[in-house]
Amino acid sequence: EDDSQLDRRDQISDSKAEMPGEAWDKLWDQQLLRIALNRVRERVEPDTFRSFELYVLEERPTAEVQEALGISDRNTVYQQRSRIVKLLEAEVRQLLLEVGE
């Protein structure tokens, strides 16, 4: 485990003590997702992640994603989304283990 992971865990854990209830839960979930997204981004091809960003995060239509990235089959966009979602779920589980949740 490197120092940056420990520092990140301390930052997340420290911020948990300062926030009440629902607001904390929402912020905590957002932070976990942000870290998981960054980790997944580093593990996949840039175009695969960009497809996910456009289609899921920016809510662009599949046709627009296909045109932007030169993807001929719309099923590719769906497959890339599915792959990224599975990786994100695994990363969030890993992060929860890392912080003792």
N, C-alpha and C. Protein backbone atom coordinates (compact mmCIF):
# COMPACT_ATOMS: atom_id res chain seq x y z
N GLU A 1 0.85 -1.18 0.00
CA GLU A 1 0.00 0.00 0.00
C GLU A 1 0.90 1.24 0.00
N ASP A 2 0.67 2.13 -0.96
CA ASP A 2 1.54 3.30 -1.03
C ASP A 2 0.99 4.44 -0.16
N ASP A 3 1.85 5.45 0.02
CA ASP A 3 1.49 6.56 0.90
C ASP A 3 0.28 7.34 0.40
N SER A 4 0.12 7.46 -0.94
CA SER A 4 -1.01 8.23 -1.46
C SER A 4 -2.33 7.57 -1.10
N GLN A 5 -2.37 6.23 -1.08
CA GLN A 5 -3.59 5.54 -0.67
C GLN A 5 -3.87 5.78 0.81
N LEU A 6 -2.84 5.73 1.62
CA LEU A 6 -3.03 5.98 3.05
C LEU A 6 -3.48 7.41 3.29
N ASP A 7 -2.85 8.37 2.60
CA ASP A 7 -3.24 9.76 2.75
C ASP A 7 -4.70 9.96 2.35
N ARG A 8 -5.09 9.34 1.23
CA ARG A 8 -6.46 9.47 0.74
C ARG A 8 -7.43 8.89 1.77
N ARG A 9 -7.08 7.74 2.33
CA ARG A 9 -7.94 7.12 3.33
C ARG A 9 -8.08 8.04 4.54
N ASP A 10 -6.98 8.64 4.98
CA ASP A 10 -7.03 9.56 6.11
C ASP A 10 -7.92 10.76 5.80
N GLN A 11 -7.80 11.30 4.58
CA GLN A 11 -8.62 12.44 4.19
C GLN A 11 -10.09 12.08 4.20
N ILE A 12 -10.41 10.92 3.64
CA ILE A 12 -11.80 10.49 3.61
C ILE A 12 -12.31 10.26 5.02
N SER A 13 -11.54 9.53 5.81
CA SER A 13 -11.96 9.23 7.18
C SER A 13 -12.09 10.49 8.02
N ASP A 14 -11.14 11.42 7.88
CA ASP A 14 -11.20 12.67 8.64
C ASP A 14 -12.44 13.47 8.29
N SER A 15 -12.77 13.53 7.00
CA SER A 15 -13.92 14.33 6.60
C SER A 15 -15.22 13.70 7.09
N LYS A 16 -15.23 12.38 7.29
CA LYS A 16 -16.43 11.71 7.78
C LYS A 16 -16.83 12.22 9.17
N ALA A 17 -15.86 12.49 10.00
CA ALA A 17 -16.14 12.92 11.37
C ALA A 17 -16.72 14.32 11.43
N GLU A 18 -16.53 15.10 10.38
CA GLU A 18 -16.93 16.50 10.41
C GLU A 18 -18.33 16.77 9.86
N MET A 19 -18.97 15.77 9.20
CA MET A 19 -20.23 16.03 8.52
C MET A 19 -21.37 15.22 9.12
N PRO A 20 -22.56 15.80 9.19
CA PRO A 20 -23.70 15.08 9.74
C PRO A 20 -24.45 14.24 8.69
N GLY A 21 -25.03 13.15 9.14
CA GLY A 21 -26.01 12.33 8.46
C GLY A 21 -26.00 12.21 6.95
N GLU A 22 -27.13 12.57 6.37
CA GLU A 22 -27.35 12.38 4.94
C GLU A 22 -26.35 13.14 4.08
N ALA A 23 -26.03 14.36 4.48
CA ALA A 23 -25.07 15.15 3.71
C ALA A 23 -23.74 14.42 3.64
N TRP A 24 -23.33 13.86 4.77
CA TRP A 24 -22.08 13.10 4.79
C TRP A 24 -22.17 11.88 3.88
N ASP A 25 -23.27 11.14 3.98
CA ASP A 25 -23.42 9.93 3.18
C ASP A 25 -23.32 10.22 1.68
N LYS A 26 -23.96 11.30 1.28
CA LYS A 26 -23.93 11.68 -0.14
C LYS A 26 -22.51 12.06 -0.56
N LEU A 27 -21.86 12.87 0.25
CA LEU A 27 -20.49 13.28 -0.05
C LEU A 27 -19.55 12.08 -0.07
N TRP A 28 -19.71 11.19 0.89
CA TRP A 28 -18.90 9.98 0.99
C TRP A 28 -19.04 9.14 -0.28
N ASP A 29 -20.29 8.92 -0.71
CA ASP A 29 -20.55 8.14 -1.92
C ASP A 29 -19.94 8.81 -3.15
N GLN A 30 -20.07 10.11 -3.23
CA GLN A 30 -19.50 10.85 -4.37
C GLN A 30 -17.98 10.72 -4.40
N GLN A 31 -17.36 10.82 -3.23
CA GLN A 31 -15.90 10.71 -3.15
C GLN A 31 -15.44 9.31 -3.54
N LEU A 32 -16.12 8.28 -3.05
CA LEU A 32 -15.78 6.91 -3.43
C LEU A 32 -15.90 6.72 -4.93
N LEU A 33 -16.98 7.22 -5.49
CA LEU A 33 -17.19 7.08 -6.93
C LEU A 33 -16.13 7.83 -7.72
N ARG A 34 -15.76 9.01 -7.26
CA ARG A 34 -14.74 9.81 -7.94
C ARG A 34 -13.39 9.07 -7.94
N ILE A 35 -13.02 8.51 -6.82
CA ILE A 35 -11.77 7.77 -6.74
C ILE A 35 -11.84 6.52 -7.62
N ALA A 36 -12.97 5.82 -7.55
CA ALA A 36 -13.14 4.61 -8.37
C ALA A 36 -13.07 4.95 -9.86
N LEU A 37 -13.71 6.05 -10.26
CA LEU A 37 -13.64 6.47 -11.67
C LEU A 37 -12.20 6.73 -12.10
N ASN A 38 -11.44 7.39 -11.26
CA ASN A 38 -10.05 7.67 -11.60
C ASN A 38 -9.24 6.38 -11.73
N ARG A 39 -9.48 5.44 -10.84
CA ARG A 39 -8.76 4.17 -10.91
C ARG A 39 -9.13 3.40 -12.18
N VAL A 40 -10.42 3.36 -12.50
CA VAL A 40 -10.86 2.65 -13.69
C VAL A 40 -10.31 3.32 -14.94
N ARG A 41 -10.33 4.65 -14.95
CA ARG A 41 -9.80 5.40 -16.11
C ARG A 41 -8.36 4.98 -16.42
N GLU A 42 -7.59 4.72 -15.39
CA GLU A 42 -6.19 4.32 -15.57
C GLU A 42 -6.04 2.90 -16.09
N ARG A 43 -7.07 2.07 -15.95
CA ARG A 43 -6.99 0.66 -16.30
C ARG A 43 -7.53 0.31 -17.68
N VAL A 44 -8.29 1.21 -18.30
CA VAL A 44 -8.92 0.89 -19.58
C VAL A 44 -8.38 1.81 -20.69
N GLU A 45 -8.67 1.41 -21.91
CA GLU A 45 -8.27 2.24 -23.06
C GLU A 45 -8.98 3.59 -22.98
N PRO A 46 -8.28 4.64 -23.39
CA PRO A 46 -8.89 5.98 -23.33
C PRO A 46 -10.23 6.08 -24.06
N ASP A 47 -10.35 5.48 -25.25
CA ASP A 47 -11.61 5.56 -25.99
C ASP A 47 -12.74 4.82 -25.28
N THR A 48 -12.42 3.74 -24.60
CA THR A 48 -13.44 3.01 -23.85
C THR A 48 -13.97 3.88 -22.73
N PHE A 49 -13.08 4.52 -22.01
CA PHE A 49 -13.53 5.38 -20.92
C PHE A 49 -14.26 6.61 -21.46
N ARG A 50 -13.78 7.15 -22.57
CA ARG A 50 -14.44 8.33 -23.15
C ARG A 50 -15.86 7.98 -23.59
N SER A 51 -16.04 6.79 -24.13
CA SER A 51 -17.37 6.33 -24.51
C SER A 51 -18.29 6.32 -23.29
N PHE A 52 -17.79 5.79 -22.18
CA PHE A 52 -18.55 5.77 -20.92
C PHE A 52 -18.87 7.19 -20.46
N GLU A 53 -17.86 8.06 -20.50
CA GLU A 53 -18.09 9.45 -20.08
C GLU A 53 -19.20 10.10 -20.89
N LEU A 54 -19.10 9.96 -22.20
CA LEU A 54 -20.09 10.60 -23.06
C LEU A 54 -21.48 10.02 -22.86
N TYR A 55 -21.56 8.70 -22.87
CA TYR A 55 -22.86 8.04 -22.82
C TYR A 55 -23.50 8.09 -21.43
N VAL A 56 -22.73 7.82 -20.39
CA VAL A 56 -23.30 7.72 -19.04
C VAL A 56 -23.21 9.05 -18.29
N LEU A 57 -22.01 9.60 -18.19
CA LEU A 57 -21.83 10.80 -17.36
C LEU A 57 -22.39 12.06 -18.02
N GLU A 58 -22.24 12.16 -19.34
CA GLU A 58 -22.75 13.34 -20.04
C GLU A 58 -24.10 13.10 -20.70
N GLU A 59 -24.62 11.85 -20.58
CA GLU A 59 -25.94 11.47 -21.07
C GLU A 59 -26.14 11.80 -22.55
N ARG A 60 -25.11 11.54 -23.35
CA ARG A 60 -25.21 11.76 -24.79
C ARG A 60 -25.86 10.55 -25.45
N PRO A 61 -26.58 10.76 -26.54
CA PRO A 61 -27.19 9.62 -27.26
C PRO A 61 -26.10 8.72 -27.86
N THR A 62 -26.43 7.44 -28.02
CA THR A 62 -25.45 6.49 -28.56
C THR A 62 -24.94 6.94 -29.92
N ALA A 63 -25.81 7.46 -30.76
CA ALA A 63 -25.39 7.89 -32.10
C ALA A 63 -24.31 8.98 -32.01
N GLU A 64 -24.46 9.88 -31.06
CA GLU A 64 -23.47 10.94 -30.88
C GLU A 64 -22.13 10.38 -30.39
N VAL A 65 -22.20 9.41 -29.46
CA VAL A 65 -20.99 8.77 -28.97
C VAL A 65 -20.29 8.04 -30.11
N GLN A 66 -21.07 7.31 -30.90
CA GLN A 66 -20.51 6.59 -32.04
C GLN A 66 -19.80 7.55 -33.00
N GLU A 67 -20.45 8.64 -33.32
CA GLU A 67 -19.86 9.60 -34.25
C GLU A 67 -18.59 10.22 -33.67
N ALA A 68 -18.63 10.60 -32.41
CA ALA A 68 -17.48 11.26 -31.79
C ALA A 68 -16.26 10.35 -31.73
N LEU A 69 -16.50 9.04 -31.54
CA LEU A 69 -15.39 8.11 -31.34
C LEU A 69 -15.16 7.16 -32.50
N GLY A 70 -15.93 7.32 -33.58
CA GLY A 70 -15.76 6.45 -34.74
C GLY A 70 -16.15 5.01 -34.47
N ILE A 71 -17.22 4.81 -33.70
CA ILE A 71 -17.70 3.47 -33.37
C ILE A 71 -18.82 3.13 -34.34
N SER A 72 -18.68 2.01 -35.04
CA SER A 72 -19.68 1.66 -36.06
C SER A 72 -20.92 0.97 -35.50
N ASP A 73 -20.78 0.23 -34.42
CA ASP A 73 -21.89 -0.55 -33.87
C ASP A 73 -22.30 0.00 -32.52
N ARG A 74 -23.57 0.36 -32.39
CA ARG A 74 -24.01 0.95 -31.12
C ARG A 74 -23.88 -0.03 -29.96
N ASN A 75 -23.91 -1.33 -30.23
CA ASN A 75 -23.73 -2.32 -29.17
C ASN A 75 -22.37 -2.18 -28.50
N THR A 76 -21.40 -1.68 -29.22
CA THR A 76 -20.07 -1.44 -28.65
C THR A 76 -20.17 -0.43 -27.51
N VAL A 77 -20.97 0.61 -27.70
CA VAL A 77 -21.16 1.62 -26.65
C VAL A 77 -21.77 0.96 -25.41
N TYR A 78 -22.78 0.11 -25.63
CA TYR A 78 -23.41 -0.58 -24.50
C TYR A 78 -22.44 -1.53 -23.80
N GLN A 79 -21.64 -2.23 -24.59
CA GLN A 79 -20.65 -3.16 -24.01
C GLN A 79 -19.60 -2.41 -23.21
N GLN A 80 -19.15 -1.26 -23.73
CA GLN A 80 -18.16 -0.47 -23.00
C GLN A 80 -18.76 0.06 -21.69
N ARG A 81 -20.00 0.50 -21.74
CA ARG A 81 -20.66 0.96 -20.52
C ARG A 81 -20.72 -0.18 -19.50
N SER A 82 -21.14 -1.35 -19.93
CA SER A 82 -21.26 -2.49 -19.04
C SER A 82 -19.91 -2.85 -18.42
N ARG A 83 -18.87 -2.85 -19.23
CA ARG A 83 -17.53 -3.18 -18.73
C ARG A 83 -17.09 -2.18 -17.66
N ILE A 84 -17.28 -0.89 -17.94
CA ILE A 84 -16.86 0.15 -16.99
C ILE A 84 -17.67 0.05 -15.70
N VAL A 85 -18.96 -0.19 -15.80
CA VAL A 85 -19.80 -0.30 -14.61
C VAL A 85 -19.32 -1.46 -13.73
N LYS A 86 -19.00 -2.60 -14.34
CA LYS A 86 -18.49 -3.74 -13.56
C LYS A 86 -17.17 -3.39 -12.87
N LEU A 87 -16.30 -2.72 -13.60
CA LEU A 87 -15.01 -2.31 -13.01
C LEU A 87 -15.23 -1.31 -11.87
N LEU A 88 -16.16 -0.38 -12.06
CA LEU A 88 -16.46 0.61 -11.01
C LEU A 88 -17.01 -0.07 -9.76
N GLU A 89 -17.90 -1.02 -9.95
CA GLU A 89 -18.44 -1.74 -8.79
C GLU A 89 -17.33 -2.43 -8.02
N ALA A 90 -16.41 -3.07 -8.74
CA ALA A 90 -15.29 -3.75 -8.08
C ALA A 90 -14.39 -2.75 -7.36
N GLU A 91 -14.13 -1.61 -7.99
CA GLU A 91 -13.28 -0.60 -7.36
C GLU A 91 -13.92 -0.02 -6.10
N VAL A 92 -15.21 0.21 -6.14
CA VAL A 92 -15.90 0.73 -4.95
C VAL A 92 -15.82 -0.29 -3.82
N ARG A 93 -16.04 -1.58 -4.15
CA ARG A 93 -15.90 -2.61 -3.11
C ARG A 93 -14.48 -2.60 -2.54
N GLN A 94 -13.48 -2.47 -3.40
CA GLN A 94 -12.09 -2.43 -2.95
C GLN A 94 -11.83 -1.21 -2.06
N LEU A 95 -12.34 -0.07 -2.46
CA LEU A 95 -12.17 1.14 -1.65
C LEU A 95 -12.81 0.98 -0.28
N LEU A 96 -13.98 0.38 -0.24
CA LEU A 96 -14.65 0.17 1.04
C LEU A 96 -13.82 -0.73 1.95
N LEU A 97 -13.19 -1.73 1.35
CA LEU A 97 -12.29 -2.59 2.14
C LEU A 97 -11.10 -1.80 2.65
N GLU A 98 -10.54 -0.94 1.79
CA GLU A 98 -9.36 -0.16 2.15
C GLU A 98 -9.62 0.78 3.32
N VAL A 99 -10.84 1.31 3.40
CA VAL A 99 -11.14 2.27 4.47
C VAL A 99 -11.86 1.61 5.64
N GLY A 100 -12.01 0.29 5.56
CA GLY A 100 -12.60 -0.43 6.67
C GLY A 100 -14.09 -0.33 6.78
N GLU A 101 -14.77 -0.10 5.68
CA GLU A 101 -16.25 -0.01 5.69
C GLU A 101 -16.84 -1.36 5.38
